[in-house]
Amino acid sequence: MNGLFDFFGRVLRGVLRLVLAVAALVFVLSLLLATLVVVVGLSLWALVTGRKPAPAVVFSRFRQTSQRYTQGVWPGAPRRPMGDVVDVEATDVTEKPAPAPRSGPDPMARVLR
């Protein structure tokens, strides 16, 4: 009798694993299908309205931002000088006389100005 219950237990575990695997596969496929429908729908809407699709805008902004911080990494990117030298007229800056050190019971009072 115990062997019969073990057999049915193994069969039920196998069926349960199979059902869970099929459910996971259906979930993943439905998620991919929903993603595909959204991407196609947004692309068609972009064509109708005459605007760029959102993923294209995001990736173009990412590329522009990365070009700003990494010079010469992207092929065909124009090389810009790192900075310009500006010649200015020199002026003297006079400093105010330092105030007298504070005195008092606080030993740090003379450090703070």
C-alpha atoms as a PDB file:
ATOM      1  CA  MET A   1       0.000   0.000   0.000  1.00  0.00           C
ATOM      2  CA  ASN A   2       2.868   2.375   0.809  1.00  0.00           C
ATOM      3  CA  GLY A   3       4.391   1.878  -2.670  1.00  0.00           C
ATOM      4  CA  LEU A   4       1.087   2.839  -4.280  1.00  0.00           C
ATOM      5  CA  PHE A   5       0.925   6.104  -2.317  1.00  0.00           C
ATOM      6  CA  ASP A   6       4.542   6.905  -3.230  1.00  0.00           C
ATOM      7  CA  PHE A   7       3.752   6.349  -6.904  1.00  0.00           C
ATOM      8  CA  PHE A   8       0.705   8.643  -6.815  1.00  0.00           C
ATOM      9  CA  GLY A   9       2.694  11.231  -4.829  1.00  0.00           C
ATOM     10  CA  ARG A  10       5.436  11.272  -7.476  1.00  0.00           C
ATOM     11  CA  VAL A  11       2.849  11.535 -10.259  1.00  0.00           C
ATOM     12  CA  LEU A  12       1.073  14.428  -8.527  1.00  0.00           C
ATOM     13  CA  ARG A  13       4.393  16.227  -7.889  1.00  0.00           C
ATOM     14  CA  GLY A  14       5.325  15.792 -11.560  1.00  0.00           C
ATOM     15  CA  VAL A  15       1.942  17.110 -12.700  1.00  0.00           C
ATOM     16  CA  LEU A  16       2.206  20.061 -10.306  1.00  0.00           C
ATOM     17  CA  ARG A  17       5.703  20.914 -11.607  1.00  0.00           C
ATOM     18  CA  LEU A  18       4.441  20.689 -15.176  1.00  0.00           C
ATOM     19  CA  VAL A  19       1.467  22.957 -14.424  1.00  0.00           C
ATOM     20  CA  LEU A  20       3.694  25.514 -12.698  1.00  0.00           C
ATOM     21  CA  ALA A  21       6.207  25.453 -15.567  1.00  0.00           C
ATOM     22  CA  VAL A  22       3.426  26.004 -18.103  1.00  0.00           C
ATOM     23  CA  ALA A  23       1.991  28.835 -15.979  1.00  0.00           C
ATOM     24  CA  ALA A  24       5.425  30.506 -15.787  1.00  0.00           C
ATOM     25  CA  LEU A  25       5.872  30.129 -19.542  1.00  0.00           C
ATOM     26  CA  VAL A  26       2.440  31.639 -20.204  1.00  0.00           C
ATOM     27  CA  PHE A  27       3.235  34.533 -17.863  1.00  0.00           C
ATOM     28  CA  VAL A  28       6.575  35.297 -19.531  1.00  0.00           C
ATOM     29  CA  LEU A  29       5.105  35.045 -23.029  1.00  0.00           C
ATOM     30  CA  SER A  30       2.169  37.304 -22.116  1.00  0.00           C
ATOM     31  CA  LEU A  31       4.575  39.848 -20.632  1.00  0.00           C
ATOM     32  CA  LEU A  32       6.661  39.831 -23.828  1.00  0.00           C
ATOM     33  CA  LEU A  33       3.529  40.122 -25.959  1.00  0.00           C
ATOM     34  CA  ALA A  34       2.241  43.053 -23.887  1.00  0.00           C
ATOM     35  CA  THR A  35       5.620  44.786 -24.224  1.00  0.00           C
ATOM     36  CA  LEU A  36       5.609  44.241 -27.966  1.00  0.00           C
ATOM     37  CA  VAL A  37       2.075  45.619 -28.279  1.00  0.00           C
ATOM     38  CA  VAL A  38       2.997  48.747 -26.289  1.00  0.00           C
ATOM     39  CA  VAL A  39       6.167  49.374 -28.327  1.00  0.00           C
ATOM     40  CA  VAL A  40       4.357  48.914 -31.649  1.00  0.00           C
ATOM     41  CA  GLY A  41       1.455  51.083 -30.452  1.00  0.00           C
ATOM     42  CA  LEU A  42       3.755  53.903 -29.332  1.00  0.00           C
ATOM     43  CA  SER A  43       5.731  53.701 -32.569  1.00  0.00           C
ATOM     44  CA  LEU A  44       2.557  53.925 -34.645  1.00  0.00           C
ATOM     45  CA  TRP A  45       1.332  56.829 -32.512  1.00  0.00           C
ATOM     46  CA  ALA A  46       4.659  58.558 -33.060  1.00  0.00           C
ATOM     47  CA  LEU A  47       4.297  58.102 -36.810  1.00  0.00           C
ATOM     48  CA  VAL A  48       0.760  59.505 -36.746  1.00  0.00           C
ATOM     49  CA  THR A  49       1.703  62.545 -34.658  1.00  0.00           C
ATOM     50  CA  GLY A  50       4.991  63.144 -36.518  1.00  0.00           C
ATOM     51  CA  ARG A  51       7.176  62.930 -33.408  1.00  0.00           C
ATOM     52  CA  LYS A  52      10.105  60.679 -32.713  1.00  0.00           C
ATOM     53  CA  PRO A  53       9.307  57.527 -30.751  1.00  0.00           C
ATOM     54  CA  ALA A  54      10.106  57.817 -27.051  1.00  0.00           C
ATOM     55  CA  PRO A  55      12.871  55.155 -27.029  1.00  0.00           C
ATOM     56  CA  ALA A  56      14.678  56.966 -29.846  1.00  0.00           C
ATOM     57  CA  VAL A  57      14.493  60.243 -27.923  1.00  0.00           C
ATOM     58  CA  VAL A  58      15.784  58.639 -24.739  1.00  0.00           C
ATOM     59  CA  PHE A  59      18.723  56.967 -26.453  1.00  0.00           C
ATOM     60  CA  SER A  60      19.625  60.096 -28.427  1.00  0.00           C
ATOM     61  CA  ARG A  61      19.639  62.134 -25.198  1.00  0.00           C
ATOM     62  CA  PHE A  62      21.798  59.476 -23.540  1.00  0.00           C
ATOM     63  CA  ARG A  63      24.249  59.626 -26.418  1.00  0.00           C
ATOM     64  CA  GLN A  64      24.399  63.433 -26.338  1.00  0.00           C
ATOM     65  CA  THR A  65      24.999  63.410 -22.595  1.00  0.00           C
ATOM     66  CA  SER A  66      27.705  60.791 -22.830  1.00  0.00           C
ATOM     67  CA  GLN A  67      29.386  62.731 -25.656  1.00  0.00           C
ATOM     68  CA  ARG A  68      29.547  65.745 -23.388  1.00  0.00           C
ATOM     69  CA  TYR A  69      31.492  63.857 -20.730  1.00  0.00           C
ATOM     70  CA  THR A  70      33.669  61.589 -22.909  1.00  0.00           C
ATOM     71  CA  GLN A  71      35.573  63.411 -25.625  1.00  0.00           C
ATOM     72  CA  GLY A  72      36.442  61.460 -28.756  1.00  0.00           C
ATOM     73  CA  VAL A  73      34.906  58.122 -27.763  1.00  0.00           C
ATOM     74  CA  TRP A  74      32.098  58.085 -30.319  1.00  0.00           C
ATOM     75  CA  PRO A  75      33.198  57.662 -33.928  1.00  0.00           C
ATOM     76  CA  GLY A  76      32.509  60.676 -36.087  1.00  0.00           C
ATOM     77  CA  ALA A  77      32.000  62.981 -33.127  1.00  0.00           C
ATOM     78  CA  PRO A  78      33.477  66.439 -33.684  1.00  0.00           C
ATOM     79  CA  ARG A  79      36.422  67.169 -31.441  1.00  0.00           C
ATOM     80  CA  ARG A  80      36.059  70.303 -29.401  1.00  0.00           C
ATOM     81  CA  PRO A  81      38.857  72.007 -27.537  1.00  0.00           C
ATOM     82  CA  MET A  82      38.798  71.371 -23.818  1.00  0.00           C
ATOM     83  CA  GLY A  83      38.682  75.081 -22.989  1.00  0.00           C
ATOM     84  CA  ASP A  84      39.519  78.551 -24.247  1.00  0.00           C
ATOM     85  CA  VAL A  85      42.044  80.908 -22.704  1.00  0.00           C
ATOM     86  CA  VAL A  86      40.594  84.314 -21.954  1.00  0.00           C
ATOM     87  CA  ASP A  87      42.973  87.238 -21.502  1.00  0.00           C
ATOM     88  CA  VAL A  88      41.707  89.682 -18.900  1.00  0.00           C
ATOM     89  CA  GLU A  89      43.075  92.869 -17.446  1.00  0.00           C
ATOM     90  CA  ALA A  90      44.730  92.347 -14.062  1.00  0.00           C
ATOM     91  CA  THR A  91      43.449  94.324 -11.087  1.00  0.00           C
ATOM     92  CA  ASP A  92      44.768  94.568  -7.535  1.00  0.00           C
ATOM     93  CA  VAL A  93      42.567  93.227  -4.810  1.00  0.00           C
ATOM     94  CA  THR A  94      43.122  94.830  -1.447  1.00  0.00           C
ATOM     95  CA  GLU A  95      42.430  92.798   1.628  1.00  0.00           C
ATOM     96  CA  LYS A  96      40.692  94.178   4.659  1.00  0.00           C
ATOM     97  CA  PRO A  97      42.847  94.240   7.785  1.00  0.00           C
ATOM     98  CA  ALA A  98      42.307  91.181   9.921  1.00  0.00           C
ATOM     99  CA  PRO A  99      40.276  91.840  13.057  1.00  0.00           C
ATOM    100  CA  ALA A 100      42.009  91.522  16.398  1.00  0.00           C
ATOM    101  CA  PRO A 101      41.840  88.068  17.914  1.00  0.00           C
ATOM    102  CA  ARG A 102      39.057  87.560  20.355  1.00  0.00           C
ATOM    103  CA  SER A 103      39.824  86.865  23.914  1.00  0.00           C
ATOM    104  CA  GLY A 104      37.783  85.225  26.552  1.00  0.00           C
ATOM    105  CA  PRO A 105      37.231  81.945  28.309  1.00  0.00           C
ATOM    106  CA  ASP A 106      36.675  80.028  25.029  1.00  0.00           C
ATOM    107  CA  PRO A 107      40.059  78.770  23.700  1.00  0.00           C
ATOM    108  CA  MET A 108      38.605  78.435  20.175  1.00  0.00           C
ATOM    109  CA  ALA A 109      37.350  82.027  20.109  1.00  0.00           C
ATOM    110  CA  ARG A 110      40.601  83.342  18.635  1.00  0.00           C
ATOM    111  CA  VAL A 111      40.422  80.753  15.810  1.00  0.00           C
ATOM    112  CA  LEU A 112      36.927  81.756  14.714  1.00  0.00           C
ATOM    113  CA  ARG A 113      36.880  85.108  12.962  1.00  0.00           C
END
